[in-house]
Amino acid sequence: FTSATYPVALVEEVIKISSIKKGLLLDPFMGSGTSAIAAINQNLDYIGFEIDQSYLNFAEDRIIDHKKKLKSTFKDLFTP
């Protein structure tokens, strides 16, 4: 993919600066899903739109993988 992918940490900083503690993040140009992952990390809901099917597939896979990693990490924290 050729895109302007931003680091998740950069998007998280923008969310933190906005002082939003709960709510919905809307990304009208979802691309690779970076803003969705940042929203997940900040416990926000998200909606993303993407017209390019290849980007949509990539973003969906990336978001699913991220959620699996979070679940695994969370499980490891509480498993003796």
PDB file of N, CA and C in Angstrom:
ATOM      1  N   PHE A   1       0.829  -1.186   0.000  1.00  0.00           N
ATOM      2  CA  PHE A   1       0.000   0.000   0.000  1.00  0.00           C
ATOM      3  C   PHE A   1       0.874   1.249   0.000  1.00  0.00           C
ATOM      4  N   THR A   2       0.467   2.213  -0.744  1.00  0.00           N
ATOM      5  CA  THR A   2       1.113   3.505  -0.720  1.00  0.00           C
ATOM      6  C   THR A   2       0.145   4.459  -0.048  1.00  0.00           C
ATOM      7  N   SER A   3       0.507   4.879   1.152  1.00  0.00           N
ATOM      8  CA  SER A   3      -0.410   5.747   1.887  1.00  0.00           C
ATOM      9  C   SER A   3       0.367   6.654   2.825  1.00  0.00           C
ATOM     10  N   ALA A   4      -0.346   7.564   3.423  1.00  0.00           N
ATOM     11  CA  ALA A   4       0.233   8.450   4.428  1.00  0.00           C
ATOM     12  C   ALA A   4      -0.179   7.918   5.796  1.00  0.00           C
ATOM     13  N   THR A   5       0.405   6.791   6.174  1.00  0.00           N
ATOM     14  CA  THR A   5       0.069   6.167   7.444  1.00  0.00           C
ATOM     15  C   THR A   5       0.760   6.901   8.583  1.00  0.00           C
ATOM     16  N   TYR A   6      -0.031   7.332   9.542  1.00  0.00           N
ATOM     17  CA  TYR A   6       0.500   8.015  10.711  1.00  0.00           C
ATOM     18  C   TYR A   6       0.720   7.010  11.824  1.00  0.00           C
ATOM     19  N   PRO A   7       1.675   7.245  12.706  1.00  0.00           N
ATOM     20  CA  PRO A   7       1.853   6.354  13.853  1.00  0.00           C
ATOM     21  C   PRO A   7       0.627   6.422  14.762  1.00  0.00           C
ATOM     22  N   VAL A   8       0.243   5.291  15.323  1.00  0.00           N
ATOM     23  CA  VAL A   8      -0.902   5.235  16.235  1.00  0.00           C
ATOM     24  C   VAL A   8      -0.697   6.214  17.383  1.00  0.00           C
ATOM     25  N   ALA A   9       0.522   6.301  17.897  1.00  0.00           N
ATOM     26  CA  ALA A   9       0.802   7.194  19.034  1.00  0.00           C
ATOM     27  C   ALA A   9       0.493   8.657  18.701  1.00  0.00           C
ATOM     28  N   LEU A  10       0.720   9.064  17.462  1.00  0.00           N
ATOM     29  CA  LEU A  10       0.426  10.441  17.066  1.00  0.00           C
ATOM     30  C   LEU A  10      -1.083  10.703  17.113  1.00  0.00           C
ATOM     31  N   VAL A  11      -1.858   9.763  16.603  1.00  0.00           N
ATOM     32  CA  VAL A  11      -3.318   9.913  16.624  1.00  0.00           C
ATOM     33  C   VAL A  11      -3.827   9.884  18.069  1.00  0.00           C
ATOM     34  N   GLU A  12      -3.229   9.029  18.903  1.00  0.00           N
ATOM     35  CA  GLU A  12      -3.616   8.988  20.320  1.00  0.00           C
ATOM     36  C   GLU A  12      -3.360  10.329  21.000  1.00  0.00           C
ATOM     37  N   GLU A  13      -2.268  10.979  20.661  1.00  0.00           N
ATOM     38  CA  GLU A  13      -1.975  12.296  21.242  1.00  0.00           C
ATOM     39  C   GLU A  13      -3.028  13.327  20.851  1.00  0.00           C
ATOM     40  N   VAL A  14      -3.463  13.278  19.607  1.00  0.00           N
ATOM     41  CA  VAL A  14      -4.513  14.202  19.158  1.00  0.00           C
ATOM     42  C   VAL A  14      -5.795  13.948  19.948  1.00  0.00           C
ATOM     43  N   ILE A  15      -6.116  12.676  20.169  1.00  0.00           N
ATOM     44  CA  ILE A  15      -7.308  12.334  20.958  1.00  0.00           C
ATOM     45  C   ILE A  15      -7.148  12.852  22.389  1.00  0.00           C
ATOM     46  N   LYS A  16      -5.978  12.650  22.979  1.00  0.00           N
ATOM     47  CA  LYS A  16      -5.738  13.118  24.353  1.00  0.00           C
ATOM     48  C   LYS A  16      -5.839  14.633  24.454  1.00  0.00           C
ATOM     49  N   ILE A  17      -5.273  15.336  23.492  1.00  0.00           N
ATOM     50  CA  ILE A  17      -5.312  16.801  23.494  1.00  0.00           C
ATOM     51  C   ILE A  17      -6.747  17.306  23.406  1.00  0.00           C
ATOM     52  N   SER A  18      -7.591  16.563  22.717  1.00  0.00           N
ATOM     53  CA  SER A  18      -8.983  16.981  22.561  1.00  0.00           C
ATOM     54  C   SER A  18      -9.786  16.834  23.850  1.00  0.00           C
ATOM     55  N   SER A  19      -9.215  16.163  24.844  1.00  0.00           N
ATOM     56  CA  SER A  19      -9.842  15.953  26.157  1.00  0.00           C
ATOM     57  C   SER A  19     -11.128  15.142  26.084  1.00  0.00           C
ATOM     58  N   ILE A  20     -11.311  14.374  25.031  1.00  0.00           N
ATOM     59  CA  ILE A  20     -12.491  13.514  24.916  1.00  0.00           C
ATOM     60  C   ILE A  20     -12.253  12.266  25.767  1.00  0.00           C
ATOM     61  N   LYS A  21     -13.138  12.020  26.707  1.00  0.00           N
ATOM     62  CA  LYS A  21     -13.016  10.860  27.588  1.00  0.00           C
ATOM     63  C   LYS A  21     -13.904   9.707  27.137  1.00  0.00           C
ATOM     64  N   LYS A  22     -15.012  10.027  26.493  1.00  0.00           N
ATOM     65  CA  LYS A  22     -15.862   8.997  25.910  1.00  0.00           C
ATOM     66  C   LYS A  22     -16.551   9.592  24.705  1.00  0.00           C
ATOM     67  N   GLY A  23     -16.935   8.743  23.801  1.00  0.00           N
ATOM     68  CA  GLY A  23     -17.595   9.246  22.615  1.00  0.00           C
ATOM     69  C   GLY A  23     -17.291   8.404  21.404  1.00  0.00           C
ATOM     70  N   LEU A  24     -17.397   9.029  20.256  1.00  0.00           N
ATOM     71  CA  LEU A  24     -17.289   8.356  18.984  1.00  0.00           C
ATOM     72  C   LEU A  24     -16.297   9.092  18.093  1.00  0.00           C
ATOM     73  N   LEU A  25     -15.315   8.365  17.582  1.00  0.00           N
ATOM     74  CA  LEU A  25     -14.353   8.936  16.648  1.00  0.00           C
ATOM     75  C   LEU A  25     -14.830   8.600  15.236  1.00  0.00           C
ATOM     76  N   LEU A  26     -14.970   9.600  14.409  1.00  0.00           N
ATOM     77  CA  LEU A  26     -15.402   9.423  13.026  1.00  0.00           C
ATOM     78  C   LEU A  26     -14.221   9.699  12.101  1.00  0.00           C
ATOM     79  N   ASP A  27     -13.917   8.728  11.259  1.00  0.00           N
ATOM     80  CA  ASP A  27     -12.839   8.888  10.289  1.00  0.00           C
ATOM     81  C   ASP A  27     -13.426   8.672   8.894  1.00  0.00           C
ATOM     82  N   PRO A  28     -13.661   9.751   8.151  1.00  0.00           N
ATOM     83  CA  PRO A  28     -14.273   9.614   6.836  1.00  0.00           C
ATOM     84  C   PRO A  28     -13.335   9.063   5.753  1.00  0.00           C
ATOM     85  N   PHE A  29     -12.048   8.964   6.066  1.00  0.00           N
ATOM     86  CA  PHE A  29     -11.072   8.406   5.129  1.00  0.00           C
ATOM     87  C   PHE A  29     -10.202   7.415   5.904  1.00  0.00           C
ATOM     88  N   MET A  30     -10.737   6.250   6.220  1.00  0.00           N
ATOM     89  CA  MET A  30     -10.130   5.324   7.170  1.00  0.00           C
ATOM     90  C   MET A  30      -8.776   4.767   6.731  1.00  0.00           C
ATOM     91  N   GLY A  31      -8.581   4.585   5.460  1.00  0.00           N
ATOM     92  CA  GLY A  31      -7.285   4.082   4.992  1.00  0.00           C
ATOM     93  C   GLY A  31      -6.878   2.800   5.676  1.00  0.00           C
ATOM     94  N   SER A  32      -5.748   2.803   6.361  1.00  0.00           N
ATOM     95  CA  SER A  32      -5.208   1.591   6.979  1.00  0.00           C
ATOM     96  C   SER A  32      -5.751   1.320   8.380  1.00  0.00           C
ATOM     97  N   GLY A  33      -6.619   2.195   8.885  1.00  0.00           N
ATOM     98  CA  GLY A  33      -7.263   1.938  10.174  1.00  0.00           C
ATOM     99  C   GLY A  33      -6.536   2.467  11.395  1.00  0.00           C
ATOM    100  N   THR A  34      -5.546   3.319  11.204  1.00  0.00           N
ATOM    101  CA  THR A  34      -4.770   3.833  12.326  1.00  0.00           C
ATOM    102  C   THR A  34      -5.636   4.562  13.346  1.00  0.00           C
ATOM    103  N   SER A  35      -6.558   5.389  12.875  1.00  0.00           N
ATOM    104  CA  SER A  35      -7.397   6.128  13.828  1.00  0.00           C
ATOM    105  C   SER A  35      -8.327   5.199  14.592  1.00  0.00           C
ATOM    106  N   ALA A  36      -8.775   4.122  13.961  1.00  0.00           N
ATOM    107  CA  ALA A  36      -9.616   3.142  14.655  1.00  0.00           C
ATOM    108  C   ALA A  36      -8.831   2.462  15.771  1.00  0.00           C
ATOM    109  N   ILE A  37      -7.592   2.106  15.503  1.00  0.00           N
ATOM    110  CA  ILE A  37      -6.748   1.475  16.522  1.00  0.00           C
ATOM    111  C   ILE A  37      -6.480   2.451  17.664  1.00  0.00           C
ATOM    112  N   ALA A  38      -6.224   3.699  17.331  1.00  0.00           N
ATOM    113  CA  ALA A  38      -6.020   4.705  18.382  1.00  0.00           C
ATOM    114  C   ALA A  38      -7.282   4.869  19.216  1.00  0.00           C
ATOM    115  N   ALA A  39      -8.441   4.851  18.584  1.00  0.00           N
ATOM    116  CA  ALA A  39      -9.708   4.959  19.317  1.00  0.00           C
ATOM    117  C   ALA A  39      -9.889   3.766  20.247  1.00  0.00           C
ATOM    118  N   ILE A  40      -9.596   2.577  19.770  1.00  0.00           N
ATOM    119  CA  ILE A  40      -9.685   1.381  20.599  1.00  0.00           C
ATOM    120  C   ILE A  40      -8.775   1.517  21.815  1.00  0.00           C
ATOM    121  N   ASN A  41      -7.565   1.991  21.596  1.00  0.00           N
ATOM    122  CA  ASN A  41      -6.602   2.156  22.694  1.00  0.00           C
ATOM    123  C   ASN A  41      -7.067   3.182  23.724  1.00  0.00           C
ATOM    124  N   GLN A  42      -7.889   4.134  23.286  1.00  0.00           N
ATOM    125  CA  GLN A  42      -8.377   5.189  24.180  1.00  0.00           C
ATOM    126  C   GLN A  42      -9.804   4.899  24.675  1.00  0.00           C
ATOM    127  N   ASN A  43     -10.277   3.671  24.462  1.00  0.00           N
ATOM    128  CA  ASN A  43     -11.624   3.243  24.873  1.00  0.00           C
ATOM    129  C   ASN A  43     -12.728   4.092  24.260  1.00  0.00           C
ATOM    130  N   LEU A  44     -12.557   4.462  23.012  1.00  0.00           N
ATOM    131  CA  LEU A  44     -13.578   5.201  22.273  1.00  0.00           C
ATOM    132  C   LEU A  44     -14.185   4.295  21.207  1.00  0.00           C
ATOM    133  N   ASP A  45     -15.434   4.541  20.876  1.00  0.00           N
ATOM    134  CA  ASP A  45     -16.042   3.881  19.733  1.00  0.00           C
ATOM    135  C   ASP A  45     -15.564   4.599  18.471  1.00  0.00           C
ATOM    136  N   TYR A  46     -15.677   3.942  17.351  1.00  0.00           N
ATOM    137  CA  TYR A  46     -15.225   4.563  16.113  1.00  0.00           C
ATOM    138  C   TYR A  46     -16.099   4.113  14.950  1.00  0.00           C
ATOM    139  N   ILE A  47     -16.167   4.959  13.951  1.00  0.00           N
ATOM    140  CA  ILE A  47     -16.775   4.628  12.669  1.00  0.00           C
ATOM    141  C   ILE A  47     -15.804   5.123  11.611  1.00  0.00           C
ATOM    142  N   GLY A  48     -15.498   4.254  10.668  1.00  0.00           N
ATOM    143  CA  GLY A  48     -14.617   4.646   9.584  1.00  0.00           C
ATOM    144  C   GLY A  48     -15.243   4.335   8.239  1.00  0.00           C
ATOM    145  N   PHE A  49     -14.988   5.187   7.281  1.00  0.00           N
ATOM    146  CA  PHE A  49     -15.465   4.993   5.921  1.00  0.00           C
ATOM    147  C   PHE A  49     -14.264   4.838   4.994  1.00  0.00           C
ATOM    148  N   GLU A  50     -14.357   3.892   4.080  1.00  0.00           N
ATOM    149  CA  GLU A  50     -13.289   3.708   3.102  1.00  0.00           C
ATOM    150  C   GLU A  50     -13.898   3.185   1.808  1.00  0.00           C
ATOM    151  N   ILE A  51     -13.633   3.861   0.689  1.00  0.00           N
ATOM    152  CA  ILE A  51     -14.219   3.446  -0.588  1.00  0.00           C
ATOM    153  C   ILE A  51     -13.349   2.436  -1.330  1.00  0.00           C
ATOM    154  N   ASP A  52     -12.080   2.347  -0.974  1.00  0.00           N
ATOM    155  CA  ASP A  52     -11.169   1.412  -1.633  1.00  0.00           C
ATOM    156  C   ASP A  52     -11.233   0.069  -0.899  1.00  0.00           C
ATOM    157  N   GLN A  53     -11.731  -0.952  -1.578  1.00  0.00           N
ATOM    158  CA  GLN A  53     -11.931  -2.260  -0.947  1.00  0.00           C
ATOM    159  C   GLN A  53     -10.630  -2.853  -0.407  1.00  0.00           C
ATOM    160  N   SER A  54      -9.522  -2.637  -1.102  1.00  0.00           N
ATOM    161  CA  SER A  54      -8.251  -3.204  -0.637  1.00  0.00           C
ATOM    162  C   SER A  54      -7.814  -2.551   0.681  1.00  0.00           C
ATOM    163  N   TYR A  55      -8.013  -1.239   0.801  1.00  0.00           N
ATOM    164  CA  TYR A  55      -7.706  -0.570   2.066  1.00  0.00           C
ATOM    165  C   TYR A  55      -8.656  -1.037   3.167  1.00  0.00           C
ATOM    166  N   LEU A  56      -9.933  -1.187   2.821  1.00  0.00           N
ATOM    167  CA  LEU A  56     -10.906  -1.641   3.807  1.00  0.00           C
ATOM    168  C   LEU A  56     -10.524  -3.019   4.340  1.00  0.00           C
ATOM    169  N   ASN A  57     -10.160  -3.934   3.451  1.00  0.00           N
ATOM    170  CA  ASN A  57      -9.747  -5.266   3.879  1.00  0.00           C
ATOM    171  C   ASN A  57      -8.515  -5.200   4.773  1.00  0.00           C
ATOM    172  N   PHE A  58      -7.551  -4.384   4.372  1.00  0.00           N
ATOM    173  CA  PHE A  58      -6.326  -4.234   5.154  1.00  0.00           C
ATOM    174  C   PHE A  58      -6.635  -3.672   6.545  1.00  0.00           C
ATOM    175  N   ALA A  59      -7.471  -2.625   6.593  1.00  0.00           N
ATOM    176  CA  ALA A  59      -7.833  -1.998   7.873  1.00  0.00           C
ATOM    177  C   ALA A  59      -8.579  -2.988   8.761  1.00  0.00           C
ATOM    178  N   GLU A  60      -9.516  -3.724   8.197  1.00  0.00           N
ATOM    179  CA  GLU A  60     -10.264  -4.701   8.991  1.00  0.00           C
ATOM    180  C   GLU A  60      -9.335  -5.744   9.590  1.00  0.00           C
ATOM    181  N   ASP A  61      -8.417  -6.276   8.780  1.00  0.00           N
ATOM    182  CA  ASP A  61      -7.457  -7.271   9.280  1.00  0.00           C
ATOM    183  C   ASP A  61      -6.585  -6.677  10.383  1.00  0.00           C
ATOM    184  N   ARG A  62      -6.141  -5.467  10.172  1.00  0.00           N
ATOM    185  CA  ARG A  62      -5.280  -4.792  11.150  1.00  0.00           C
ATOM    186  C   ARG A  62      -6.017  -4.568  12.471  1.00  0.00           C
ATOM    187  N   ILE A  63      -7.271  -4.140  12.401  1.00  0.00           N
ATOM    188  CA  ILE A  63      -8.067  -3.894  13.606  1.00  0.00           C
ATOM    189  C   ILE A  63      -8.331  -5.208  14.343  1.00  0.00           C
ATOM    190  N   ILE A  64      -8.683  -6.253  13.611  1.00  0.00           N
ATOM    191  CA  ILE A  64      -8.917  -7.562  14.229  1.00  0.00           C
ATOM    192  C   ILE A  64      -7.652  -8.059  14.915  1.00  0.00           C
ATOM    193  N   ASP A  65      -6.517  -7.960  14.249  1.00  0.00           N
ATOM    194  CA  ASP A  65      -5.241  -8.383  14.852  1.00  0.00           C
ATOM    195  C   ASP A  65      -4.938  -7.584  16.111  1.00  0.00           C
ATOM    196  N   HIS A  66      -5.194  -6.288  16.067  1.00  0.00           N
ATOM    197  CA  HIS A  66      -4.932  -5.440  17.234  1.00  0.00           C
ATOM    198  C   HIS A  66      -5.809  -5.849  18.415  1.00  0.00           C
ATOM    199  N   LYS A  67      -7.083  -6.107  18.147  1.00  0.00           N
ATOM    200  CA  LYS A  67      -7.998  -6.526  19.216  1.00  0.00           C
ATOM    201  C   LYS A  67      -7.566  -7.863  19.808  1.00  0.00           C
ATOM    202  N   LYS A  68      -7.096  -8.784  18.975  1.00  0.00           N
ATOM    203  CA  LYS A  68      -6.603 -10.078  19.462  1.00  0.00           C
ATOM    204  C   LYS A  68      -5.386  -9.887  20.361  1.00  0.00           C
ATOM    205  N   LYS A  69      -4.468  -9.009  19.963  1.00  0.00           N
ATOM    206  CA  LYS A  69      -3.276  -8.741  20.771  1.00  0.00           C
ATOM    207  C   LYS A  69      -3.659  -8.129  22.110  1.00  0.00           C
ATOM    208  N   LEU A  70      -4.606  -7.199  22.092  1.00  0.00           N
ATOM    209  CA  LEU A  70      -5.064  -6.586  23.350  1.00  0.00           C
ATOM    210  C   LEU A  70      -5.690  -7.621  24.267  1.00  0.00           C
ATOM    211  N   LYS A  71      -6.512  -8.472  23.701  1.00  0.00           N
ATOM    212  CA  LYS A  71      -7.181  -9.515  24.485  1.00  0.00           C
ATOM    213  C   LYS A  71      -6.154 -10.464  25.087  1.00  0.00           C
ATOM    214  N   SER A  72      -5.169 -10.846  24.287  1.00  0.00           N
ATOM    215  CA  SER A  72      -4.114 -11.736  24.760  1.00  0.00           C
ATOM    216  C   SER A  72      -3.297 -11.087  25.866  1.00  0.00           C
ATOM    217  N   THR A  73      -2.935  -9.822  25.692  1.00  0.00           N
ATOM    218  CA  THR A  73      -2.164  -9.090  26.695  1.00  0.00           C
ATOM    219  C   THR A  73      -2.951  -8.955  27.991  1.00  0.00           C
ATOM    220  N   PHE A  74      -4.229  -8.618  27.867  1.00  0.00           N
ATOM    221  CA  PHE A  74      -5.091  -8.475  29.037  1.00  0.00           C
ATOM    222  C   PHE A  74      -5.198  -9.804  29.776  1.00  0.00           C
ATOM    223  N   LYS A  75      -5.368 -10.877  29.023  1.00  0.00           N
ATOM    224  CA  LYS A  75      -5.470 -12.217  29.606  1.00  0.00           C
ATOM    225  C   LYS A  75      -4.187 -12.575  30.345  1.00  0.00           C
ATOM    226  N   ASP A  76      -3.032 -12.271  29.755  1.00  0.00           N
ATOM    227  CA  ASP A  76      -1.734 -12.562  30.369  1.00  0.00           C
ATOM    228  C   ASP A  76      -1.544 -11.813  31.687  1.00  0.00           C
ATOM    229  N   LEU A  77      -2.114 -10.617  31.789  1.00  0.00           N
ATOM    230  CA  LEU A  77      -1.974  -9.822  33.018  1.00  0.00           C
ATOM    231  C   LEU A  77      -2.673 -10.471  34.197  1.00  0.00           C
ATOM    232  N   PHE A  78      -3.724 -11.232  33.923  1.00  0.00           N
ATOM    233  CA  PHE A  78      -4.525 -11.787  35.002  1.00  0.00           C
ATOM    234  C   PHE A  78      -4.446 -13.314  35.101  1.00  0.00           C
ATOM    235  N   THR A  79      -3.568 -13.917  34.345  1.00  0.00           N
ATOM    236  CA  THR A  79      -3.387 -15.372  34.425  1.00  0.00           C
ATOM    237  C   THR A  79      -2.118 -15.660  35.218  1.00  0.00           C
ATOM    238  N   PRO A  80      -2.277 -16.385  36.331  1.00  0.00           N
ATOM    239  CA  PRO A  80      -1.081 -16.697  37.160  1.00  0.00           C
ATOM    240  C   PRO A  80      -0.107 -17.603  36.467  1.00  0.00           C
TER     241      PRO A  80
END
